[in-house]
Amino acid sequence: MTSSDVALAGVDGCKAGWIAVRRDPGSAPCVDVFASFAALLAALPPDAIIAVDMPIGLPEFSQKGGRGPEALVRPLLGQRQSSVFSIPSRAALYADTDDFTTIEAWYAAHRRASAVAKATSDPPRGVSIQAFGIFSKIREIDALLIERPELRGRVHESHPEVAFCRLNGDQAMRLPKKIKGSVNPAGMDERKALLCRHGYVRLFLDQAPPRGAAADDFLDAAAMMLIAGRLANGEAKSFPNPPPSDRFGIPVAIWA
């Protein structure tokens, strides 16, 4: 199997759910947004290869630096390494699974998750607000991979800045995508130029992202699709290599 004869999808979480940049064999890439990861899977052929910017495989106990993958990829990224969040234990991820109707309830749930994370880590470490913000999406994929083990060979974790680094000859991006929460046009241009060197057309990358997704989500999904191609071609590298598995048998690795 190669990237030219299988559907590829690069996926990132976004405000509306999930943004996917997809390329079918013989077709140009296209982009769409899905409310759920299950809906995204249903829209793809059953043999599609997917790279997603979301942690996959959860530890029972968290060591310094999070799971093994985070600790391994941070040194590659230089000034961009803060983009790699530490992921706490499975118990912390599932400490509170309610939908939050108020900001107070959200912060209370964050405190509960942090308490569980501290009790299941050495050295004791709480949960960052950024990491807590993606817990529901981590659980969404986790539940699917537990329920449908056949997906584990097709749905792979990646990370945009690790992907950009690997696509750039193992050189981290010079400029940040965002500065103080706002998109940095120079950083976006640096990444668009790199994506174009790997086959994208600039007009595709310059389009407005679909409703419910941000411009940086779109670029990250585009990078993820290139990693899906590397996975299909057997060119992607896993961090760590070989990947260990969590207690459900789900591989724990960042691929790029």
Protein backbone atom coordinates (compact mmCIF):
# COMPACT_ATOMS: atom_id res chain seq x y z
CA MET A 1 0.00 0.00 0.00
CA THR A 2 1.22 3.49 -0.87
CA SER A 3 -0.20 6.98 -0.36
CA SER A 4 -1.26 7.07 -4.02
CA ASP A 5 -3.72 4.16 -3.76
CA VAL A 6 -5.46 4.80 -0.44
CA ALA A 7 -7.54 7.66 0.96
CA LEU A 8 -5.65 9.90 3.38
CA ALA A 9 -7.00 12.21 6.06
CA GLY A 10 -5.25 14.71 8.29
CA VAL A 11 -7.35 15.72 11.28
CA ASP A 12 -7.26 18.36 14.00
CA GLY A 13 -9.72 19.28 16.71
CA CYS A 14 -11.57 22.56 16.20
CA LYS A 15 -14.37 24.56 17.79
CA ALA A 16 -17.07 22.82 15.72
CA GLY A 17 -15.61 19.33 16.31
CA TRP A 18 -12.98 18.05 13.89
CA ILE A 19 -11.45 19.52 10.74
CA ALA A 20 -10.20 17.03 8.14
CA VAL A 21 -8.06 17.59 5.06
CA ARG A 22 -8.72 14.58 2.85
CA ARG A 23 -7.20 13.29 -0.34
CA ASP A 24 -8.68 10.38 -2.27
CA PRO A 25 -6.57 8.48 -4.83
CA GLY A 26 -6.20 10.56 -7.99
CA SER A 27 -7.99 13.57 -6.49
CA ALA A 28 -6.97 16.99 -5.16
CA PRO A 29 -7.21 17.58 -1.40
CA CYS A 30 -10.46 18.88 0.08
CA VAL A 31 -11.38 20.12 3.54
CA ASP A 32 -14.46 19.60 5.71
CA VAL A 33 -15.61 19.83 9.33
CA PHE A 34 -17.35 17.06 11.26
CA ALA A 35 -19.25 17.31 14.54
CA SER A 36 -17.84 14.00 15.81
CA PHE A 37 -14.89 11.73 15.11
CA ALA A 38 -17.33 8.89 14.43
CA ALA A 39 -19.01 10.99 11.72
CA LEU A 40 -15.60 11.71 10.22
CA LEU A 41 -14.78 7.99 10.13
CA ALA A 42 -18.14 7.21 8.53
CA ALA A 43 -17.40 9.69 5.72
CA LEU A 44 -14.10 7.99 4.83
CA PRO A 45 -13.44 4.70 3.03
CA PRO A 46 -12.90 1.79 5.46
CA ASP A 47 -9.19 1.55 4.57
CA ALA A 48 -8.38 5.27 4.86
CA ILE A 49 -5.21 6.17 6.78
CA ILE A 50 -5.72 8.94 9.34
CA ALA A 51 -3.22 11.08 11.23
CA VAL A 52 -4.77 13.16 13.97
CA ASP A 53 -3.44 15.85 16.27
CA MET A 54 -4.78 14.31 19.45
CA PRO A 55 -3.15 12.10 22.11
CA ILE A 56 -3.90 8.41 21.64
CA GLY A 57 -3.10 5.77 24.25
CA LEU A 58 -3.34 6.77 27.90
CA PRO A 59 -0.99 5.86 30.77
CA GLU A 60 -2.17 4.48 34.08
CA PHE A 61 0.57 6.51 35.79
CA SER A 62 2.28 9.62 34.41
CA GLN A 63 6.04 10.09 34.65
CA LYS A 64 7.98 13.36 34.42
CA GLY A 65 7.20 15.06 31.09
CA GLY A 66 3.95 13.15 30.51
CA ARG A 67 3.77 10.04 28.36
CA GLY A 68 6.89 8.77 26.58
CA PRO A 69 6.05 10.43 23.23
CA GLU A 70 5.92 13.98 24.62
CA ALA A 71 9.28 13.67 26.34
CA LEU A 72 10.88 12.31 23.15
CA VAL A 73 9.62 14.93 20.69
CA ARG A 74 10.09 18.10 22.75
CA PRO A 75 13.89 18.25 22.22
CA LEU A 76 13.31 18.25 18.43
CA LEU A 77 11.26 21.43 18.53
CA GLY A 78 13.48 24.04 20.19
CA GLN A 79 11.36 27.13 20.87
CA ARG A 80 8.23 25.33 19.62
CA GLN A 81 8.35 22.63 22.32
CA SER A 82 5.74 24.37 24.50
CA SER A 83 3.17 23.27 21.89
CA VAL A 84 3.49 19.68 23.23
CA PHE A 85 1.23 19.26 26.27
CA SER A 86 1.87 16.67 28.97
CA ILE A 87 -0.98 14.16 29.05
CA PRO A 88 -1.91 12.82 32.50
CA SER A 89 -3.19 9.41 33.53
CA ARG A 90 -6.30 7.70 32.17
CA ALA A 91 -7.93 8.19 35.60
CA ALA A 92 -7.42 11.97 35.36
CA LEU A 93 -8.86 12.02 31.82
CA TYR A 94 -11.99 10.27 33.07
CA ALA A 95 -12.26 12.01 36.47
CA ASP A 96 -15.16 14.16 35.28
CA THR A 97 -17.01 13.44 32.05
CA ASP A 98 -20.03 15.72 32.49
CA ASP A 99 -21.02 18.43 30.03
CA PHE A 100 -20.35 21.77 31.67
CA THR A 101 -23.13 24.35 31.67
CA THR A 102 -21.24 27.07 33.55
CA ILE A 103 -17.66 28.31 33.66
CA GLU A 104 -17.64 27.62 37.41
CA ALA A 105 -18.48 23.94 36.78
CA TRP A 106 -15.73 23.79 34.15
CA TYR A 107 -13.09 25.12 36.56
CA ALA A 108 -14.34 22.80 39.33
CA ALA A 109 -13.95 19.83 36.96
CA HIS A 110 -10.44 21.04 36.10
CA ARG A 111 -9.55 21.09 39.79
CA ARG A 112 -10.89 17.53 40.24
CA ALA A 113 -8.94 16.27 37.23
CA SER A 114 -5.80 17.98 38.53
CA ALA A 115 -6.19 16.33 41.94
CA VAL A 116 -6.45 12.89 40.31
CA ALA A 117 -3.53 13.69 38.00
CA LYS A 118 -1.33 14.64 40.98
CA ALA A 119 -2.23 11.38 42.73
CA THR A 120 -1.29 9.34 39.63
CA SER A 121 1.99 10.98 38.66
CA ASP A 122 5.59 11.11 39.87
CA PRO A 123 6.60 13.82 40.47
CA PRO A 124 3.02 14.92 41.28
CA ARG A 125 1.74 17.10 38.45
CA GLY A 126 -1.63 18.73 37.84
CA VAL A 127 -3.35 19.37 34.53
CA SER A 128 -2.78 22.49 32.46
CA ILE A 129 -5.84 24.44 31.34
CA GLN A 130 -4.80 23.83 27.69
CA ALA A 131 -4.61 20.05 28.18
CA PHE A 132 -7.92 19.98 30.10
CA GLY A 133 -9.56 21.81 27.20
CA ILE A 134 -9.02 18.81 24.90
CA PHE A 135 -9.93 16.05 27.40
CA SER A 136 -13.35 15.44 25.83
CA LYS A 137 -11.79 15.01 22.38
CA ILE A 138 -9.12 12.64 23.75
CA ARG A 139 -11.90 10.56 25.34
CA GLU A 140 -13.88 10.59 22.08
CA ILE A 141 -11.06 8.89 20.15
CA ASP A 142 -10.11 6.68 23.10
CA ALA A 143 -13.65 5.26 23.32
CA LEU A 144 -13.70 4.50 19.58
CA LEU A 145 -10.32 2.72 19.68
CA ILE A 146 -11.40 0.64 22.68
CA GLU A 147 -14.71 -0.30 21.04
CA ARG A 148 -13.29 -0.82 17.54
CA PRO A 149 -9.78 -2.33 17.78
CA GLU A 150 -9.53 -2.57 13.98
CA LEU A 151 -9.16 1.23 13.87
CA ARG A 152 -5.83 1.08 15.71
CA GLY A 153 -3.95 0.24 12.51
CA ARG A 154 -5.49 3.21 10.65
CA VAL A 155 -5.89 6.04 13.18
CA HIS A 156 -2.52 7.39 14.32
CA GLU A 157 -1.52 10.19 16.65
CA SER A 158 0.70 12.91 15.26
CA HIS A 159 1.53 16.48 16.25
CA PRO A 160 1.64 19.49 13.90
CA GLU A 161 4.91 21.02 15.05
CA VAL A 162 6.61 17.60 15.04
CA ALA A 163 5.17 17.07 11.54
CA PHE A 164 6.43 20.45 10.29
CA CYS A 165 9.85 19.70 11.78
CA ARG A 166 10.07 16.28 10.10
CA LEU A 167 8.81 17.69 6.78
CA ASN A 168 11.45 20.41 7.08
CA GLY A 169 14.40 18.02 7.20
CA ASP A 170 14.23 17.70 11.00
CA GLN A 171 14.51 21.47 11.47
CA ALA A 172 11.88 23.05 13.73
CA MET A 173 9.88 25.98 12.39
CA ARG A 174 11.56 29.32 13.08
CA LEU A 175 8.41 31.33 13.81
CA PRO A 176 5.39 30.63 16.02
CA LYS A 177 1.95 30.13 14.46
CA LYS A 178 0.42 32.27 17.18
CA ILE A 179 1.59 35.13 19.36
CA LYS A 180 -0.41 35.77 22.55
CA GLY A 181 -3.35 33.80 21.19
CA SER A 182 -3.53 35.56 17.82
CA VAL A 183 -2.48 34.12 14.47
CA ASN A 184 1.02 35.18 13.43
CA PRO A 185 0.91 35.76 9.63
CA ALA A 186 4.69 35.27 9.22
CA GLY A 187 4.54 31.91 11.05
CA MET A 188 1.58 30.82 8.94
CA ASP A 189 3.43 31.81 5.75
CA GLU A 190 6.50 29.81 6.82
CA ARG A 191 4.34 26.70 7.23
CA LYS A 192 2.34 27.26 4.03
CA ALA A 193 5.59 27.51 2.04
CA LEU A 194 6.75 24.20 3.54
CA LEU A 195 3.42 22.51 2.77
CA CYS A 196 3.65 23.75 -0.84
CA ARG A 197 7.11 22.17 -1.14
CA HIS A 198 5.36 18.90 -0.28
CA GLY A 199 2.72 19.15 -2.99
CA TYR A 200 0.00 21.51 -1.79
CA VAL A 201 -1.25 24.35 -4.01
CA ARG A 202 -1.04 27.73 -2.30
CA LEU A 203 -4.57 28.65 -3.42
CA PHE A 204 -5.92 25.67 -1.46
CA LEU A 205 -4.05 26.69 1.71
CA ASP A 206 -5.05 30.36 1.35
CA GLN A 207 -8.79 29.65 1.35
CA ALA A 208 -10.83 30.56 4.41
CA PRO A 209 -11.20 27.56 6.72
CA PRO A 210 -14.66 25.96 6.99
CA ARG A 211 -17.04 27.48 9.51
CA GLY A 212 -16.21 26.32 13.03
CA ALA A 213 -12.48 25.92 12.38
CA ALA A 214 -9.61 28.40 12.66
CA ALA A 215 -6.90 29.13 10.10
CA ASP A 216 -4.24 27.37 12.19
CA ASP A 217 -6.49 24.30 12.63
CA PHE A 218 -6.71 24.10 8.82
CA LEU A 219 -2.92 24.25 8.37
CA ASP A 220 -2.38 21.69 11.11
CA ALA A 221 -4.85 19.30 9.44
CA ALA A 222 -3.05 19.82 6.11
CA ALA A 223 0.24 18.83 7.77
CA MET A 224 -1.44 15.81 9.36
CA MET A 225 -2.55 14.62 5.90
CA LEU A 226 1.08 14.56 4.76
CA ILE A 227 1.92 12.42 7.80
CA ALA A 228 -0.94 10.07 6.85
CA GLY A 229 0.81 9.76 3.47
CA ARG A 230 4.11 8.97 5.19
CA LEU A 231 2.32 6.32 7.27
CA ALA A 232 0.83 4.76 4.14
CA ASN A 233 4.27 4.71 2.48
CA GLY A 234 6.03 3.26 5.54
CA GLU A 235 8.12 6.45 5.86
CA ALA A 236 6.75 7.78 9.15
CA LYS A 237 8.82 7.43 12.32
CA SER A 238 7.25 6.68 15.69
CA PHE A 239 8.31 8.30 18.96
CA PRO A 240 9.06 5.99 20.76
CA ASN A 241 10.08 3.24 18.35
CA PRO A 242 8.63 0.67 18.67
CA PRO A 243 5.47 2.08 20.27
CA PRO A 244 4.42 0.61 23.63
CA SER A 245 0.72 -0.06 24.30
CA ASP A 246 -1.62 1.11 27.03
CA ARG A 247 -3.65 -1.37 29.11
CA PHE A 248 -6.26 -1.67 26.34
CA GLY A 249 -3.60 -2.54 23.77
CA ILE A 250 -3.77 0.90 22.08
CA PRO A 251 -0.37 2.03 20.72
CA VAL A 252 1.17 5.05 22.46
CA ALA A 253 3.29 7.02 20.00
CA ILE A 254 3.55 10.27 18.07
CA TRP A 255 4.12 9.53 14.36
CA ALA A 256 5.75 11.93 11.93
